[in-house]
């Protein structure tokens, strides 16, 4: 079986007719972890939402494919079933739906009709992953994200990741608001997923997450496009020196382009 591959080619995205993403190119293969860093207002969260089909974001031109299939022609649920996963910066609360019921429904949808997971196998898998992520077992029967702390929500996103085993995951500021203990647990979950069948895009502001998850590739995003790519040492230099050296090197003037959802 060949490695999965997400390819983004010359992507342009607008919100309310204002262009936010301005010709972005990116390729992520199974077995690779990529990190995108950049100042506030560069289009990072816009990128993740547009890939997953948020209706607020209008893709005006460009292409996104997963294993040569046109992602932009898929409905949101089809993108998830095809193997894309988004861990959101601000996970939604859903009253009346338990965490366990949500996870089992999502997993069975991913597996497809006729391949549904048995209840006992699901419970064993969920219990094992919750223990690995140091989650209270009672969280399985609580309503999805309702009353969860920020750290519990982020661990729950990683639990979903480990249960669904997507081809390509996009983690949008998964480290936001985490204390150091929660950050270590979340990182442990992501690292457990590493392998030839799993590709990942981490969107983050901070080097501290990358102290625990060593990326294969680091990209710098400014003004709606990727302007520089390197290895883990690029993130370390950004932490030490900020972004001004890249702006000076490339002649980039400050400009805020991103509007958050």
Protein backbone atom coordinates (compact mmCIF):
# COMPACT_ATOMS: atom_id res chain seq x y z
CA UNK A 1 0.00 0.00 0.00
CA UNK A 2 1.44 3.37 -1.05
CA UNK A 3 1.86 6.26 1.36
CA UNK A 4 -0.95 8.78 1.59
CA UNK A 5 -0.25 12.24 0.27
CA UNK A 6 -1.98 15.59 0.77
CA UNK A 7 -1.08 18.09 -1.94
CA UNK A 8 -2.04 21.78 -1.85
CA UNK A 9 -1.31 23.61 -5.08
CA UNK A 10 -1.50 27.40 -5.55
CA UNK A 11 -4.35 27.73 -3.04
CA UNK A 12 -6.19 31.05 -2.78
CA UNK A 13 -8.81 31.56 -0.05
CA UNK A 14 -11.00 34.58 0.70
CA UNK A 15 -13.31 35.68 3.50
CA UNK A 16 -16.00 38.19 2.53
CA UNK A 17 -14.12 38.80 -0.74
CA UNK A 18 -10.87 39.64 1.12
CA UNK A 19 -8.05 37.35 0.03
CA UNK A 20 -6.39 35.63 3.00
CA UNK A 21 -4.44 32.73 1.47
CA UNK A 22 -2.48 33.97 -1.53
CA UNK A 23 -1.05 31.11 -3.52
CA UNK A 24 0.01 28.49 -0.95
CA UNK A 25 1.82 25.29 -1.93
CA UNK A 26 2.38 22.35 0.41
CA UNK A 27 2.83 18.58 0.20
CA UNK A 28 2.57 16.22 3.18
CA UNK A 29 3.18 12.48 2.89
CA UNK A 30 2.50 9.63 5.25
CA UNK A 31 5.35 9.27 7.71
CA UNK A 32 6.01 13.03 7.81
CA UNK A 33 5.26 15.62 10.47
CA UNK A 34 5.22 19.21 9.24
CA UNK A 35 4.94 22.33 11.37
CA UNK A 36 3.68 25.70 10.17
CA UNK A 37 4.72 28.71 12.21
CA UNK A 38 4.18 32.41 11.64
CA UNK A 39 3.09 35.66 13.25
CA UNK A 40 -0.54 36.36 14.11
CA UNK A 41 -2.61 37.28 11.09
CA UNK A 42 -0.82 35.25 8.44
CA UNK A 43 -3.60 32.82 7.48
CA UNK A 44 -2.62 29.68 9.44
CA UNK A 45 -6.03 28.91 10.91
CA UNK A 46 -7.69 29.96 7.67
CA UNK A 47 -5.66 27.26 5.92
CA UNK A 48 -6.83 24.48 8.25
CA UNK A 49 -10.50 25.53 8.07
CA UNK A 50 -10.43 25.86 4.29
CA UNK A 51 -8.93 22.38 3.83
CA UNK A 52 -11.69 20.86 5.94
CA UNK A 53 -14.48 22.73 4.14
CA UNK A 54 -15.65 25.44 6.57
CA UNK A 55 -18.35 27.35 4.63
CA UNK A 56 -17.04 30.73 5.76
CA UNK A 57 -13.91 30.31 3.65
CA UNK A 58 -14.22 30.67 -0.12
CA UNK A 59 -11.58 28.88 -2.15
CA UNK A 60 -11.22 31.11 -5.18
CA UNK A 61 -8.58 29.06 -7.01
CA UNK A 62 -6.07 26.27 -6.56
CA UNK A 63 -6.33 22.58 -5.78
CA UNK A 64 -6.24 20.27 -2.75
CA UNK A 65 -5.92 16.52 -3.29
CA UNK A 66 -5.65 13.53 -0.97
CA UNK A 67 -4.23 10.47 -2.69
CA UNK A 68 -5.04 12.15 -6.03
CA UNK A 69 -8.70 12.59 -5.07
CA UNK A 70 -10.12 16.13 -5.30
CA UNK A 71 -10.74 17.21 -1.69
CA UNK A 72 -12.50 20.42 -2.71
CA UNK A 73 -15.25 18.43 -4.42
CA UNK A 74 -16.00 16.52 -1.20
CA UNK A 75 -18.52 17.44 1.48
CA UNK A 76 -17.10 17.97 4.97
CA UNK A 77 -18.10 14.48 6.16
CA UNK A 78 -16.63 12.95 3.01
CA UNK A 79 -13.29 14.62 3.74
CA UNK A 80 -13.27 13.04 7.19
CA UNK A 81 -14.19 9.62 5.83
CA UNK A 82 -11.46 9.94 3.19
CA UNK A 83 -8.91 10.22 6.00
CA UNK A 84 -8.53 13.92 6.86
CA UNK A 85 -8.72 15.00 10.49
CA UNK A 86 -8.80 18.44 12.09
CA UNK A 87 -8.09 19.07 15.77
CA UNK A 88 -9.64 22.48 16.26
CA UNK A 89 -8.21 25.35 18.22
CA UNK A 90 -11.56 25.78 19.97
CA UNK A 91 -13.41 22.42 20.09
CA UNK A 92 -17.20 22.66 20.16
CA UNK A 93 -19.37 21.50 23.04
CA UNK A 94 -22.22 19.14 22.10
CA UNK A 95 -24.85 18.61 24.77
CA UNK A 96 -26.74 15.32 24.88
CA UNK A 97 -24.08 13.29 23.05
CA UNK A 98 -21.63 11.38 25.20
CA UNK A 99 -17.97 11.28 24.33
CA UNK A 100 -18.13 7.51 23.84
CA UNK A 101 -21.18 7.65 21.54
CA UNK A 102 -19.60 10.39 19.45
CA UNK A 103 -16.34 8.49 19.10
CA UNK A 104 -18.01 5.21 18.14
CA UNK A 105 -20.24 6.91 15.55
CA UNK A 106 -17.28 8.78 14.09
CA UNK A 107 -15.14 5.65 13.97
CA UNK A 108 -17.85 3.55 12.33
CA UNK A 109 -18.42 6.29 9.75
CA UNK A 110 -14.68 6.27 9.02
CA UNK A 111 -14.59 2.45 8.74
CA UNK A 112 -17.64 2.32 6.47
CA UNK A 113 -20.75 0.17 6.28
CA UNK A 114 -20.06 -3.49 6.91
CA UNK A 115 -16.76 -2.81 8.68
CA UNK A 116 -18.13 -1.35 11.92
CA UNK A 117 -16.15 -1.98 15.09
CA UNK A 118 -17.71 -4.28 17.68
CA UNK A 119 -18.77 -2.73 20.96
CA UNK A 120 -16.26 -4.71 23.04
CA UNK A 121 -13.36 -3.94 20.69
CA UNK A 122 -14.32 -0.27 20.73
CA UNK A 123 -14.45 -0.17 24.54
CA UNK A 124 -11.05 -1.86 24.83
CA UNK A 125 -9.51 0.55 22.34
CA UNK A 126 -11.07 3.60 23.97
CA UNK A 127 -10.10 2.53 27.49
CA UNK A 128 -6.51 1.84 26.40
CA UNK A 129 -6.15 5.21 24.67
CA UNK A 130 -7.75 7.12 27.55
CA UNK A 131 -5.36 5.47 29.99
CA UNK A 132 -2.43 6.34 27.73
CA UNK A 133 -3.56 9.99 27.68
CA UNK A 134 -4.09 9.97 31.47
CA UNK A 135 -7.78 10.81 31.08
CA UNK A 136 -10.41 10.22 33.76
CA UNK A 137 -12.47 7.17 32.66
CA UNK A 138 -15.65 9.08 33.57
CA UNK A 139 -14.99 11.43 30.63
CA UNK A 140 -16.25 8.70 28.28
CA UNK A 141 -19.81 9.19 29.56
CA UNK A 142 -19.73 12.98 29.82
CA UNK A 143 -21.30 15.04 27.05
CA UNK A 144 -18.81 15.94 24.34
CA UNK A 145 -16.53 18.74 25.63
CA UNK A 146 -19.32 20.05 27.89
CA UNK A 147 -17.73 21.44 31.04
CA UNK A 148 -14.30 20.21 29.94
CA UNK A 149 -11.32 22.34 30.89
CA UNK A 150 -9.09 23.62 28.10
CA UNK A 151 -6.60 20.85 28.77
CA UNK A 152 -9.33 18.18 28.81
CA UNK A 153 -10.64 19.40 25.45
CA UNK A 154 -7.19 19.18 23.89
CA UNK A 155 -6.58 15.69 25.29
CA UNK A 156 -9.98 14.72 23.94
CA UNK A 157 -8.98 15.92 20.48
CA UNK A 158 -5.92 13.66 20.64
CA UNK A 159 -8.13 10.79 21.86
CA UNK A 160 -10.25 11.28 18.73
CA UNK A 161 -7.07 11.28 16.63
CA UNK A 162 -5.88 8.01 18.16
CA UNK A 163 -9.28 6.37 17.79
CA UNK A 164 -9.91 7.44 14.17
CA UNK A 165 -6.35 6.87 12.89
CA UNK A 166 -6.64 9.28 9.93
CA UNK A 167 -4.29 9.39 6.98
CA UNK A 168 -3.49 13.09 7.42
CA UNK A 169 -4.15 15.14 10.57
CA UNK A 170 -4.19 18.92 10.89
CA UNK A 171 -3.62 20.11 14.45
CA UNK A 172 -4.53 23.78 14.80
CA UNK A 173 -2.73 25.22 17.86
CA UNK A 174 -3.24 22.02 19.81
CA UNK A 175 -0.81 23.44 22.41
CA UNK A 176 -2.84 26.60 23.02
CA UNK A 177 -3.52 27.14 26.74
CA UNK A 178 -1.88 23.92 27.91
CA UNK A 179 0.27 23.73 31.01
CA UNK A 180 3.51 21.79 30.75
CA UNK A 181 2.05 18.51 32.08
CA UNK A 182 -0.86 18.55 29.62
CA UNK A 183 1.51 19.55 26.82
CA UNK A 184 3.66 16.48 27.52
CA UNK A 185 0.63 14.17 27.45
CA UNK A 186 -0.75 15.64 24.22
CA UNK A 187 2.69 15.37 22.62
CA UNK A 188 2.97 11.75 23.77
CA UNK A 189 -0.28 10.94 21.98
CA UNK A 190 0.83 12.59 18.73
CA UNK A 191 4.20 10.84 18.86
CA UNK A 192 2.46 7.47 19.32
CA UNK A 193 0.70 8.06 15.98
CA UNK A 194 3.96 8.52 14.07
CA UNK A 195 4.44 6.01 11.30
CA UNK A 196 4.34 5.48 7.55
CA UNK A 197 0.53 5.49 7.48
CA UNK A 198 0.15 8.85 9.25
CA UNK A 199 1.02 12.36 8.10
CA UNK A 200 0.54 15.44 10.24
CA UNK A 201 0.47 19.22 9.93
CA UNK A 202 0.98 21.06 13.21
CA UNK A 203 0.04 24.75 13.29
CA UNK A 204 1.69 26.47 16.22
CA UNK A 205 3.10 29.77 17.42
CA UNK A 206 5.61 28.28 19.81
CA UNK A 207 8.77 26.20 19.80
CA UNK A 208 7.79 24.60 23.13
CA UNK A 209 5.49 22.05 21.46
CA UNK A 210 8.28 21.17 19.04
CA UNK A 211 10.54 20.42 22.00
CA UNK A 212 8.41 17.29 22.47
CA UNK A 213 7.41 16.57 18.84
CA UNK A 214 10.35 16.87 16.48
CA UNK A 215 8.99 17.85 13.05
CA UNK A 216 10.51 16.59 9.82
CA UNK A 217 9.82 19.91 8.11
CA UNK A 218 9.16 23.43 9.42
CA UNK A 219 7.44 26.06 7.28
CA UNK A 220 7.13 29.79 7.94
CA UNK A 221 3.91 31.38 6.75
CA UNK A 222 3.56 35.11 6.14
CA UNK A 223 1.03 37.14 4.20
CA UNK A 224 -0.98 34.12 3.18
CA UNK A 225 1.78 31.95 1.75
CA UNK A 226 4.73 29.82 2.82
CA UNK A 227 7.85 31.95 2.55
CA UNK A 228 10.53 29.71 4.06
CA UNK A 229 10.99 25.98 4.71
CA UNK A 230 13.63 24.14 6.71
CA UNK A 231 14.24 21.54 9.38
CA UNK A 232 13.73 21.65 13.16
CA UNK A 233 16.58 24.17 13.46
CA UNK A 234 14.38 26.75 11.70
CA UNK A 235 11.85 26.62 14.55
CA UNK A 236 14.67 26.98 17.07
CA UNK A 237 15.98 30.09 15.31
CA UNK A 238 12.49 31.60 15.24
CA UNK A 239 12.20 31.02 18.98
CA UNK A 240 15.53 32.73 19.58
CA UNK A 241 15.29 35.59 17.08
CA UNK A 242 11.61 36.06 16.15
CA UNK A 243 10.41 36.72 12.60
CA UNK A 244 12.10 40.02 11.79
CA UNK A 245 15.13 38.37 10.21
CA UNK A 246 12.90 36.53 7.73
CA UNK A 247 11.03 39.74 6.90
CA UNK A 248 14.32 41.53 6.31
CA UNK A 249 15.78 38.65 4.33
CA UNK A 250 12.77 38.47 2.01
CA UNK A 251 11.81 42.15 2.03
CA UNK A 252 8.41 41.48 3.60
CA UNK A 253 6.49 44.39 5.08
CA UNK A 254 4.13 43.91 8.01
CA UNK A 255 0.58 43.20 6.96
CA UNK A 256 -2.32 41.55 8.78
CA UNK A 257 -4.29 39.33 6.46
CA UNK A 258 -6.07 36.78 8.60
CA UNK A 259 -9.55 36.99 10.07
CA UNK A 260 -10.25 34.24 12.54
CA UNK A 261 -13.41 32.18 12.37
